[in-house]
Amino acid sequence: MEIRLAGPADWPGIWPIIHDVVTEQQTFPYDPAMTEEEARAGWLRPAPARTVVAADGDRVLGTANMYANRPGPGSHVASGSLMVAAPARGTGVGRALTTDMITWAREAGFVAIQFNAVVDTNKSAIRLYESLGFTTLGVAPGAFRHPVHGDVGLRIMWLDLA
């Protein structure tokens, strides 16, 4: 598996991952009715943002995008999103993507990474992020409508890069 910049030829491998994750409605607060065009515009952000894939040859196993959390006075804090294809979950793809994001953020001069909306029931992502040094700053109770668990919290998670 390699982590590399995503190119136009990767979109056919990225879109099914985004579509599956979003329509599962369990880990991302994205509209499940999102179209492919909306997903492409939101995921493949222009520079200086960065989008990568975790690939095994031509097969996309996961993807991440990363960018400044906010413009202007908030631009010194990075953010991003990561998605892993269902068959590749639990195989280290998420860890590789998160580690790549941390390296990118440090090299780009960000002072921290903030994840704005980690679903409180997404225990595997929370364990992964915590194992890499992220902490939970707070939880917005009931901010995510989970199809199985009802209204659950959304965490703000933080990694200080100083």
Foldseek 3Di string as FASTA:
>chain_A
DDKDFDDPLCLVQAQVQVLVVLCLQAWDPDHNVDDSVNCCPVQVDDPPKTKIFDDDVSHTFKIKIKAQPDPDPRRLEMEMDITGHPVCPPVCRVLVVVVVRLVVSVVVRRQKYKYFFTWPVPVVVVVSVVVVPKDWPDWDAQPGQRPPPGRGITTIIMHGPD
